[in-house]
Amino acid sequence: MRYTESELDLMRETFKENLPLLKAMRKVFLQLDVSEEEQELLKNTMKGDVIALVRKAFLPTLDGDAPLGQVIDLMMTVDIVSKFPEEAINHLKAREIAIAYINEQLDVLVGNSTSDNIKFTELSILTADVSETYQNIVARNTIIMLVENQLRDINTLANQVKLTEEEQKEAMEKESNK
């Protein structure tokens, strides 16, 4: 598990049965209109340990203290192994755009920035430069998938029932008896 027990507790405290917060976050990440109520919700929530947790979820970095097999960043998930360098470079540049975009939106989420250097809607505009268009569309689709996947994961983890030690032992015994 990439998250510590204290991070999971914070996730439960913050996001459990809190779809309005998760949807407000989605709106910020996808540069959609955010209501005043949603802005207030984000302002009151996105600070300190919560934003550190959100940053860890959306923009993971290499962490030597992570559990074995859980070290990940967004560049390592780019599928380039079976591609020629000329083809792979477009995927790498697209991921670079996606990472820069997510980083910007994390700043917007906490209120550190209101300007968006990368406009989400512009990522789907077809241009005369085929490579640029390809990179932008791949970045756009990657951003949408990343946002949806991370919000789903946060929601799932936040709403998981936390078992007591006794319940965990019982579950493990049942599993081992199968």
N, C-alpha and C. Protein backbone atom coordinates (compact mmCIF):
# COMPACT_ATOMS: atom_id res chain seq x y z
N MET A 1 0.85 -1.18 0.00
CA MET A 1 0.00 0.00 0.00
C MET A 1 0.89 1.24 0.00
N ARG A 2 0.62 2.14 -0.91
CA ARG A 2 1.40 3.38 -1.03
C ARG A 2 1.12 4.36 0.09
N TYR A 3 0.00 4.19 0.76
CA TYR A 3 -0.42 5.13 1.79
C TYR A 3 -0.17 4.56 3.17
N THR A 4 0.28 5.40 4.07
CA THR A 4 0.48 4.99 5.45
C THR A 4 -0.88 4.90 6.14
N GLU A 5 -0.90 4.29 7.30
CA GLU A 5 -2.16 4.19 8.05
C GLU A 5 -2.68 5.58 8.43
N SER A 6 -1.79 6.49 8.76
CA SER A 6 -2.24 7.85 9.11
C SER A 6 -2.79 8.57 7.88
N GLU A 7 -2.22 8.31 6.70
CA GLU A 7 -2.75 8.90 5.48
C GLU A 7 -4.13 8.33 5.16
N LEU A 8 -4.30 7.04 5.39
CA LEU A 8 -5.61 6.42 5.17
C LEU A 8 -6.64 6.98 6.15
N ASP A 9 -6.23 7.20 7.39
CA ASP A 9 -7.14 7.82 8.37
C ASP A 9 -7.54 9.22 7.92
N LEU A 10 -6.57 9.99 7.44
CA LEU A 10 -6.86 11.34 6.94
C LEU A 10 -7.79 11.28 5.73
N MET A 11 -7.57 10.29 4.88
CA MET A 11 -8.42 10.11 3.71
C MET A 11 -9.86 9.84 4.15
N ARG A 12 -10.02 9.00 5.16
CA ARG A 12 -11.36 8.69 5.67
C ARG A 12 -12.00 9.94 6.28
N GLU A 13 -11.24 10.65 7.10
CA GLU A 13 -11.76 11.87 7.75
C GLU A 13 -12.21 12.90 6.72
N THR A 14 -11.46 13.02 5.65
CA THR A 14 -11.68 14.09 4.68
C THR A 14 -12.68 13.71 3.58
N PHE A 15 -12.57 12.50 3.07
CA PHE A 15 -13.30 12.16 1.87
C PHE A 15 -14.43 11.15 2.05
N LYS A 16 -14.54 10.54 3.22
CA LYS A 16 -15.58 9.53 3.42
C LYS A 16 -16.96 10.15 3.20
N GLU A 17 -17.73 9.51 2.31
CA GLU A 17 -19.09 9.97 1.97
C GLU A 17 -19.11 11.46 1.65
N ASN A 18 -18.09 11.91 0.92
CA ASN A 18 -17.97 13.33 0.58
C ASN A 18 -17.82 13.50 -0.93
N LEU A 19 -18.81 13.02 -1.66
CA LEU A 19 -18.78 13.17 -3.12
C LEU A 19 -18.76 14.62 -3.58
N PRO A 20 -19.43 15.55 -2.87
CA PRO A 20 -19.35 16.95 -3.31
C PRO A 20 -17.90 17.47 -3.35
N LEU A 21 -17.09 17.07 -2.39
CA LEU A 21 -15.69 17.50 -2.39
C LEU A 21 -14.93 16.87 -3.55
N LEU A 22 -15.13 15.59 -3.78
CA LEU A 22 -14.44 14.92 -4.88
C LEU A 22 -14.86 15.50 -6.23
N LYS A 23 -16.12 15.81 -6.38
CA LYS A 23 -16.59 16.40 -7.65
C LYS A 23 -16.07 17.82 -7.83
N ALA A 24 -15.94 18.56 -6.73
CA ALA A 24 -15.36 19.91 -6.82
C ALA A 24 -13.90 19.82 -7.24
N MET A 25 -13.20 18.83 -6.70
CA MET A 25 -11.81 18.62 -7.10
C MET A 25 -11.72 18.29 -8.59
N ARG A 26 -12.62 17.42 -9.05
CA ARG A 26 -12.64 17.06 -10.47
C ARG A 26 -12.81 18.32 -11.32
N LYS A 27 -13.72 19.19 -10.91
CA LYS A 27 -13.97 20.42 -11.67
C LYS A 27 -12.71 21.27 -11.76
N VAL A 28 -11.97 21.37 -10.67
CA VAL A 28 -10.73 22.15 -10.70
C VAL A 28 -9.72 21.49 -11.62
N PHE A 29 -9.55 20.18 -11.48
CA PHE A 29 -8.57 19.49 -12.31
C PHE A 29 -8.90 19.56 -13.80
N LEU A 30 -10.17 19.61 -14.14
CA LEU A 30 -10.56 19.67 -15.55
C LEU A 30 -10.94 21.08 -16.00
N GLN A 31 -10.64 22.07 -15.17
CA GLN A 31 -10.90 23.48 -15.44
C GLN A 31 -12.36 23.72 -15.84
N LEU A 32 -13.25 23.12 -15.08
CA LEU A 32 -14.68 23.33 -15.27
C LEU A 32 -15.15 24.38 -14.26
N ASP A 33 -16.34 24.91 -14.48
CA ASP A 33 -16.86 25.93 -13.59
C ASP A 33 -17.10 25.37 -12.19
N VAL A 34 -16.62 26.11 -11.19
CA VAL A 34 -16.76 25.73 -9.79
C VAL A 34 -17.67 26.75 -9.13
N SER A 35 -18.71 26.28 -8.46
CA SER A 35 -19.65 27.19 -7.79
C SER A 35 -18.98 27.83 -6.57
N GLU A 36 -19.59 28.87 -6.05
CA GLU A 36 -19.06 29.53 -4.85
C GLU A 36 -19.05 28.57 -3.68
N GLU A 37 -20.09 27.75 -3.58
CA GLU A 37 -20.16 26.76 -2.50
C GLU A 37 -19.01 25.76 -2.60
N GLU A 38 -18.73 25.32 -3.82
CA GLU A 38 -17.63 24.38 -4.04
C GLU A 38 -16.29 25.04 -3.76
N GLN A 39 -16.15 26.29 -4.15
CA GLN A 39 -14.90 27.02 -3.88
C GLN A 39 -14.66 27.11 -2.37
N GLU A 40 -15.70 27.39 -1.63
CA GLU A 40 -15.60 27.48 -0.17
C GLU A 40 -15.23 26.13 0.42
N LEU A 41 -15.85 25.06 -0.08
CA LEU A 41 -15.54 23.71 0.39
C LEU A 41 -14.06 23.39 0.15
N LEU A 42 -13.58 23.71 -1.03
CA LEU A 42 -12.17 23.45 -1.36
C LEU A 42 -11.25 24.31 -0.49
N LYS A 43 -11.59 25.56 -0.33
CA LYS A 43 -10.77 26.47 0.47
C LYS A 43 -10.64 25.97 1.90
N ASN A 44 -11.72 25.46 2.45
CA ASN A 44 -11.70 24.98 3.83
C ASN A 44 -11.04 23.62 4.00
N THR A 45 -10.89 22.89 2.92
CA THR A 45 -10.38 21.52 3.00
C THR A 45 -8.95 21.38 2.51
N MET A 46 -8.63 22.04 1.41
CA MET A 46 -7.35 21.81 0.74
C MET A 46 -6.21 22.62 1.38
N LYS A 47 -5.69 22.07 2.47
CA LYS A 47 -4.55 22.68 3.14
C LYS A 47 -3.79 21.62 3.92
N GLY A 48 -2.58 21.96 4.28
CA GLY A 48 -1.76 21.09 5.12
C GLY A 48 -1.62 19.67 4.63
N ASP A 49 -1.91 18.74 5.54
CA ASP A 49 -1.73 17.32 5.24
C ASP A 49 -2.67 16.83 4.14
N VAL A 50 -3.83 17.46 4.02
CA VAL A 50 -4.79 17.02 3.00
C VAL A 50 -4.21 17.27 1.61
N ILE A 51 -3.66 18.46 1.40
CA ILE A 51 -3.11 18.75 0.07
C ILE A 51 -1.87 17.90 -0.20
N ALA A 52 -1.09 17.60 0.84
CA ALA A 52 0.07 16.72 0.66
C ALA A 52 -0.40 15.33 0.22
N LEU A 53 -1.49 14.87 0.80
CA LEU A 53 -2.06 13.57 0.43
C LEU A 53 -2.60 13.60 -1.00
N VAL A 54 -3.29 14.66 -1.36
CA VAL A 54 -3.83 14.80 -2.72
C VAL A 54 -2.68 14.88 -3.72
N ARG A 55 -1.64 15.62 -3.38
CA ARG A 55 -0.47 15.72 -4.27
C ARG A 55 0.17 14.34 -4.45
N LYS A 56 0.27 13.58 -3.37
CA LYS A 56 0.84 12.23 -3.45
C LYS A 56 0.01 11.35 -4.38
N ALA A 57 -1.30 11.50 -4.32
CA ALA A 57 -2.18 10.69 -5.15
C ALA A 57 -2.08 11.07 -6.62
N PHE A 58 -2.10 12.37 -6.90
CA PHE A 58 -2.18 12.83 -8.29
C PHE A 58 -0.83 13.03 -8.97
N LEU A 59 0.20 13.26 -8.18
CA LEU A 59 1.51 13.52 -8.76
C LEU A 59 2.57 12.77 -7.95
N PRO A 60 2.51 11.44 -7.99
CA PRO A 60 3.45 10.67 -7.18
C PRO A 60 4.89 10.90 -7.62
N THR A 61 5.79 10.88 -6.64
CA THR A 61 7.22 11.02 -6.93
C THR A 61 7.94 9.81 -6.34
N LEU A 62 9.13 9.59 -6.82
CA LEU A 62 9.92 8.47 -6.32
C LEU A 62 10.19 8.68 -4.83
N ASP A 63 9.93 7.65 -4.06
CA ASP A 63 10.06 7.73 -2.61
C ASP A 63 10.79 6.49 -2.12
N GLY A 64 12.00 6.68 -1.65
CA GLY A 64 12.82 5.57 -1.19
C GLY A 64 12.26 4.88 0.04
N ASP A 65 11.38 5.55 0.77
CA ASP A 65 10.79 4.96 1.97
C ASP A 65 9.47 4.25 1.69
N ALA A 66 9.01 4.27 0.46
CA ALA A 66 7.76 3.59 0.10
C ALA A 66 7.94 2.09 0.26
N PRO A 67 6.85 1.37 0.49
CA PRO A 67 6.95 -0.09 0.57
C PRO A 67 7.54 -0.65 -0.73
N LEU A 68 8.20 -1.80 -0.62
CA LEU A 68 8.78 -2.42 -1.80
C LEU A 68 7.70 -2.67 -2.84
N GLY A 69 8.02 -2.37 -4.08
CA GLY A 69 7.08 -2.57 -5.17
C GLY A 69 6.07 -1.44 -5.32
N GLN A 70 6.20 -0.38 -4.54
CA GLN A 70 5.23 0.72 -4.59
C GLN A 70 5.83 2.04 -5.04
N VAL A 71 7.06 2.02 -5.52
CA VAL A 71 7.70 3.24 -6.01
C VAL A 71 7.17 3.50 -7.42
N ILE A 72 6.65 4.71 -7.60
CA ILE A 72 6.05 5.05 -8.89
C ILE A 72 6.10 6.56 -9.11
N ASP A 73 6.22 6.94 -10.35
CA ASP A 73 5.97 8.33 -10.74
C ASP A 73 5.26 8.28 -12.09
N LEU A 74 4.81 9.42 -12.57
CA LEU A 74 3.99 9.41 -13.77
C LEU A 74 4.77 9.14 -15.06
N MET A 75 6.08 9.35 -15.05
CA MET A 75 6.85 9.06 -16.26
C MET A 75 7.05 7.56 -16.45
N MET A 76 7.11 6.82 -15.35
CA MET A 76 7.38 5.38 -15.49
C MET A 76 6.20 4.60 -16.04
N THR A 77 5.03 5.21 -16.06
CA THR A 77 3.85 4.50 -16.57
C THR A 77 3.58 4.76 -18.05
N VAL A 78 4.48 5.47 -18.70
CA VAL A 78 4.33 5.71 -20.13
C VAL A 78 4.76 4.45 -20.87
N ASP A 79 3.89 3.93 -21.71
CA ASP A 79 4.19 2.71 -22.45
C ASP A 79 5.04 3.05 -23.67
N ILE A 80 6.36 2.90 -23.53
CA ILE A 80 7.25 3.23 -24.65
C ILE A 80 8.14 2.05 -25.06
N VAL A 81 8.09 0.96 -24.30
CA VAL A 81 9.00 -0.16 -24.53
C VAL A 81 8.90 -0.71 -25.94
N SER A 82 7.70 -0.84 -26.46
CA SER A 82 7.53 -1.45 -27.78
C SER A 82 7.49 -0.41 -28.90
N LYS A 83 7.89 0.80 -28.60
CA LYS A 83 7.83 1.87 -29.61
C LYS A 83 9.23 2.26 -30.05
N PHE A 84 9.34 2.72 -31.28
CA PHE A 84 10.59 3.30 -31.75
C PHE A 84 10.74 4.67 -31.13
N PRO A 85 11.96 5.15 -30.95
CA PRO A 85 12.17 6.46 -30.32
C PRO A 85 11.37 7.59 -30.96
N GLU A 86 11.22 7.56 -32.28
CA GLU A 86 10.49 8.61 -32.97
C GLU A 86 9.02 8.63 -32.56
N GLU A 87 8.47 7.47 -32.25
CA GLU A 87 7.08 7.38 -31.80
C GLU A 87 6.98 7.62 -30.29
N ALA A 88 7.95 7.10 -29.55
CA ALA A 88 7.93 7.22 -28.09
C ALA A 88 8.03 8.67 -27.63
N ILE A 89 8.76 9.47 -28.36
CA ILE A 89 8.97 10.86 -27.93
C ILE A 89 7.65 11.62 -27.81
N ASN A 90 6.70 11.33 -28.68
CA ASN A 90 5.40 12.00 -28.59
C ASN A 90 4.67 11.63 -27.30
N HIS A 91 4.79 10.38 -26.90
CA HIS A 91 4.16 9.93 -25.65
C HIS A 91 4.85 10.56 -24.44
N LEU A 92 6.17 10.66 -24.52
CA LEU A 92 6.92 11.27 -23.42
C LEU A 92 6.61 12.76 -23.29
N LYS A 93 6.51 13.43 -24.43
CA LYS A 93 6.16 14.86 -24.40
C LYS A 93 4.73 15.05 -23.91
N ALA A 94 3.85 14.16 -24.29
CA ALA A 94 2.47 14.23 -23.83
C ALA A 94 2.41 14.07 -22.31
N ARG A 95 3.18 13.14 -21.79
CA ARG A 95 3.18 12.93 -20.34
C ARG A 95 3.79 14.14 -19.63
N GLU A 96 4.80 14.74 -20.24
CA GLU A 96 5.40 15.95 -19.69
C GLU A 96 4.35 17.07 -19.58
N ILE A 97 3.52 17.20 -20.60
CA ILE A 97 2.43 18.18 -20.59
C ILE A 97 1.44 17.84 -19.47
N ALA A 98 1.07 16.58 -19.37
CA ALA A 98 0.11 16.15 -18.34
C ALA A 98 0.64 16.43 -16.94
N ILE A 99 1.92 16.14 -16.70
CA ILE A 99 2.52 16.37 -15.39
C ILE A 99 2.53 17.87 -15.06
N ALA A 100 2.93 18.68 -16.03
CA ALA A 100 2.95 20.14 -15.82
C ALA A 100 1.53 20.64 -15.53
N TYR A 101 0.57 20.13 -16.26
CA TYR A 101 -0.82 20.53 -16.08
C TYR A 101 -1.32 20.16 -14.68
N ILE A 102 -1.11 18.92 -14.26
CA ILE A 102 -1.56 18.46 -12.94
C ILE A 102 -0.89 19.30 -11.85
N ASN A 103 0.37 19.58 -12.02
CA ASN A 103 1.10 20.41 -11.06
C ASN A 103 0.45 21.80 -10.94
N GLU A 104 0.12 22.40 -12.07
CA GLU A 104 -0.55 23.70 -12.08
C GLU A 104 -1.91 23.61 -11.37
N GLN A 105 -2.67 22.56 -11.67
CA GLN A 105 -4.00 22.44 -11.09
C GLN A 105 -3.94 22.16 -9.59
N LEU A 106 -2.90 21.49 -9.13
CA LEU A 106 -2.73 21.31 -7.68
C LEU A 106 -2.53 22.66 -7.01
N ASP A 107 -1.80 23.56 -7.66
CA ASP A 107 -1.64 24.92 -7.13
C ASP A 107 -2.96 25.67 -7.12
N VAL A 108 -3.75 25.49 -8.17
CA VAL A 108 -5.07 26.13 -8.24
C VAL A 108 -5.97 25.57 -7.14
N LEU A 109 -5.89 24.28 -6.91
CA LEU A 109 -6.72 23.60 -5.91
C LEU A 109 -6.52 24.19 -4.52
N VAL A 110 -5.30 24.57 -4.20
CA VAL A 110 -5.03 25.12 -2.86
C VAL A 110 -5.10 26.64 -2.85
N GLY A 111 -5.43 27.24 -3.98
CA GLY A 111 -5.57 28.68 -4.02
C GLY A 111 -4.26 29.43 -4.20
N ASN A 112 -3.18 28.72 -4.56
CA ASN A 112 -1.89 29.38 -4.77
C ASN A 112 -1.77 30.01 -6.14
N SER A 113 -2.73 29.72 -7.00
CA SER A 113 -2.66 30.23 -8.36
C SER A 113 -4.07 30.28 -8.94
N THR A 114 -4.31 31.28 -9.73
CA THR A 114 -5.58 31.35 -10.44
C THR A 114 -5.35 31.33 -11.95
N SER A 115 -4.11 31.52 -12.35
CA SER A 115 -3.84 31.52 -13.79
C SER A 115 -3.49 30.11 -14.23
N ASP A 116 -4.03 29.75 -15.36
CA ASP A 116 -3.78 28.43 -15.92
C ASP A 116 -2.92 28.61 -17.17
N ASN A 117 -1.65 28.24 -17.07
CA ASN A 117 -0.78 28.36 -18.24
C ASN A 117 -1.19 27.37 -19.32
N ILE A 118 -1.61 26.21 -18.89
CA ILE A 118 -2.08 25.19 -19.84
C ILE A 118 -3.60 25.18 -19.76
N LYS A 119 -4.24 25.49 -20.85
CA LYS A 119 -5.70 25.50 -20.91
C LYS A 119 -6.18 24.12 -21.34
N PHE A 120 -6.99 23.51 -20.49
CA PHE A 120 -7.47 22.16 -20.77
C PHE A 120 -8.20 22.08 -22.10
N THR A 121 -9.07 23.04 -22.37
CA THR A 121 -9.84 23.00 -23.61
C THR A 121 -8.96 23.11 -24.85
N GLU A 122 -7.80 23.76 -24.71
CA GLU A 122 -6.90 23.90 -25.84
C GLU A 122 -6.17 22.61 -26.19
N LEU A 123 -6.17 21.67 -25.26
CA LEU A 123 -5.51 20.40 -25.54
C LEU A 123 -6.26 19.56 -26.56
N SER A 124 -7.50 19.91 -26.82
CA SER A 124 -8.27 19.13 -27.81
C SER A 124 -8.44 19.88 -29.14
N ILE A 125 -7.73 20.98 -29.30
CA ILE A 125 -7.79 21.74 -30.55
C ILE A 125 -6.81 21.14 -31.56
N LEU A 126 -7.32 20.85 -32.74
CA LEU A 126 -6.46 20.33 -33.80
C LEU A 126 -5.63 21.47 -34.38
N THR A 127 -4.33 21.24 -34.52
CA THR A 127 -3.45 22.27 -35.07
C THR A 127 -2.81 21.75 -36.35
N ALA A 128 -2.10 22.62 -37.01
CA ALA A 128 -1.42 22.24 -38.25
C ALA A 128 -0.25 21.30 -37.96
N ASP A 129 0.28 21.36 -36.75
CA ASP A 129 1.40 20.50 -36.36
C ASP A 129 0.85 19.18 -35.83
N VAL A 130 1.01 18.12 -36.61
CA VAL A 130 0.45 16.81 -36.28
C VAL A 130 1.01 16.29 -34.96
N SER A 131 2.29 16.45 -34.72
CA SER A 131 2.91 15.97 -33.48
C SER A 131 2.36 16.71 -32.28
N GLU A 132 2.22 18.02 -32.40
CA GLU A 132 1.68 18.82 -31.30
C GLU A 132 0.24 18.40 -30.99
N THR A 133 -0.55 18.22 -32.03
CA THR A 133 -1.94 17.79 -31.84
C THR A 133 -1.98 16.43 -31.15
N TYR A 134 -1.16 15.51 -31.62
CA TYR A 134 -1.12 14.17 -31.04
C TYR A 134 -0.73 14.24 -29.56
N GLN A 135 0.33 14.97 -29.26
CA GLN A 135 0.79 15.10 -27.87
C GLN A 135 -0.29 15.71 -26.99
N ASN A 136 -0.95 16.74 -27.48
CA ASN A 136 -1.99 17.41 -26.69
C ASN A 136 -3.18 16.49 -26.42
N ILE A 137 -3.62 15.76 -27.44
CA ILE A 137 -4.76 14.85 -27.25
C ILE A 137 -4.40 13.72 -26.29
N VAL A 138 -3.19 13.17 -26.44
CA VAL A 138 -2.76 12.12 -25.51
C VAL A 138 -2.67 12.69 -24.09
N ALA A 139 -2.13 13.89 -23.94
CA ALA A 139 -2.04 14.53 -22.61
C ALA A 139 -3.43 14.74 -22.04
N ARG A 140 -4.34 15.24 -22.86
CA ARG A 140 -5.73 15.49 -22.42
C ARG A 140 -6.37 14.21 -21.91
N ASN A 141 -6.27 13.15 -22.70
CA ASN A 141 -6.89 11.88 -22.31
C ASN A 141 -6.23 11.29 -21.07
N THR A 142 -4.92 11.45 -20.96
CA THR A 142 -4.19 10.99 -19.78
C THR A 142 -4.65 11.74 -18.54
N ILE A 143 -4.84 13.04 -18.67
CA ILE A 143 -5.31 13.86 -17.54
C ILE A 143 -6.68 13.40 -17.08
N ILE A 144 -7.58 13.20 -18.01
CA ILE A 144 -8.93 12.76 -17.64
C ILE A 144 -8.87 11.41 -16.93
N MET A 145 -8.12 10.47 -17.49
CA MET A 145 -8.03 9.15 -16.87
C MET A 145 -7.37 9.22 -15.50
N LEU A 146 -6.32 10.01 -15.37
CA LEU A 146 -5.63 10.16 -14.09
C LEU A 146 -6.57 10.74 -13.04
N VAL A 147 -7.27 11.80 -13.39
CA VAL A 147 -8.19 12.45 -12.45
C VAL A 147 -9.28 11.48 -12.02
N GLU A 148 -9.91 10.83 -12.98
CA GLU A 148 -10.99 9.90 -12.66
C GLU A 148 -10.48 8.72 -11.81
N ASN A 149 -9.35 8.17 -12.19
CA ASN A 149 -8.81 7.03 -11.45
C ASN A 149 -8.42 7.40 -10.02
N GLN A 150 -7.78 8.55 -9.86
CA GLN A 150 -7.35 8.94 -8.52
C GLN A 150 -8.54 9.30 -7.64
N LEU A 151 -9.52 9.99 -8.19
CA LEU A 151 -10.71 10.30 -7.40
C LEU A 151 -11.46 9.03 -7.01
N ARG A 152 -11.54 8.08 -7.94
CA ARG A 152 -12.18 6.80 -7.63
C ARG A 152 -11.42 6.07 -6.53
N ASP A 153 -10.09 6.05 -6.63
CA ASP A 153 -9.27 5.38 -5.61
C ASP A 153 -9.41 6.05 -4.25
N ILE A 154 -9.38 7.36 -4.23
CA ILE A 154 -9.55 8.09 -2.96
C ILE A 154 -10.91 7.77 -2.36
N ASN A 155 -11.94 7.79 -3.18
CA ASN A 155 -13.30 7.49 -2.71
C ASN A 155 -13.38 6.06 -2.17
N THR A 156 -12.80 5.13 -2.88
CA THR A 156 -12.82 3.73 -2.45
C THR A 156 -12.08 3.55 -1.13
N LEU A 157 -10.87 4.10 -1.04
CA LEU A 157 -10.09 3.95 0.19
C LEU A 157 -10.75 4.67 1.37
N ALA A 158 -11.32 5.83 1.11
CA ALA A 158 -11.95 6.61 2.18
C ALA A 158 -13.18 5.91 2.73
N ASN A 159 -13.85 5.16 1.90
CA ASN A 159 -15.09 4.52 2.32
C ASN A 159 -14.92 3.05 2.69
N GLN A 160 -13.69 2.58 2.70
CA GLN A 160 -13.43 1.21 3.15
C GLN A 160 -13.69 1.13 4.65
N VAL A 161 -14.28 0.05 5.05
CA VAL A 161 -14.51 -0.16 6.48
C VAL A 161 -13.19 -0.57 7.11
N LYS A 162 -12.84 0.14 8.17
CA LYS A 162 -11.60 -0.16 8.88
C LYS A 162 -11.90 -1.25 9.91
N LEU A 163 -11.26 -2.40 9.74
CA LEU A 163 -11.49 -3.53 10.63
C LEU A 163 -10.63 -3.42 11.88
N THR A 164 -11.17 -3.89 12.99
CA THR A 164 -10.37 -3.97 14.22
C THR A 164 -9.36 -5.10 14.05
N GLU A 165 -8.38 -5.16 14.95
CA GLU A 165 -7.39 -6.24 14.87
C GLU A 165 -8.07 -7.60 14.94
N GLU A 166 -9.05 -7.73 15.81
CA GLU A 166 -9.76 -8.99 15.96
C GLU A 166 -10.49 -9.37 14.66
N GLU A 167 -11.14 -8.39 14.04
CA GLU A 167 -11.84 -8.63 12.78
C GLU A 167 -10.86 -9.01 11.67
N GLN A 168 -9.69 -8.38 11.68
CA GLN A 168 -8.67 -8.71 10.70
C GLN A 168 -8.19 -10.15 10.87
N LYS A 169 -7.97 -10.56 12.12
CA LYS A 169 -7.54 -11.93 12.39
C LYS A 169 -8.59 -12.93 11.92
N GLU A 170 -9.86 -12.63 12.22
CA GLU A 170 -10.96 -13.51 11.79
C GLU A 170 -11.00 -13.62 10.26
N ALA A 171 -10.85 -12.50 9.60
CA ALA A 171 -10.87 -12.50 8.13
C ALA A 171 -9.71 -13.31 7.57
N MET A 172 -8.55 -13.17 8.18
CA MET A 172 -7.37 -13.92 7.72
C MET A 172 -7.56 -15.42 7.95
N GLU A 173 -8.16 -15.77 9.08
CA GLU A 173 -8.42 -17.19 9.38
C GLU A 173 -9.40 -17.77 8.37
N LYS A 174 -10.46 -17.04 8.09
CA LYS A 174 -11.43 -17.49 7.10
C LYS A 174 -10.77 -17.69 5.74
N GLU A 175 -9.91 -16.75 5.37
CA GLU A 175 -9.22 -16.81 4.08
C GLU A 175 -8.27 -18.01 4.03
N SER A 176 -7.60 -18.30 5.12
CA SER A 176 -6.65 -19.41 5.13
C SER A 176 -7.34 -20.77 5.16
N ASN A 177 -8.60 -20.80 5.60
CA ASN A 177 -9.35 -22.05 5.63
C ASN A 177 -9.94 -22.42 4.27
N LYS A 178 -9.85 -21.56 3.31
CA LYS A 178 -10.42 -21.85 1.97
C LYS A 178 -9.57 -22.81 1.20
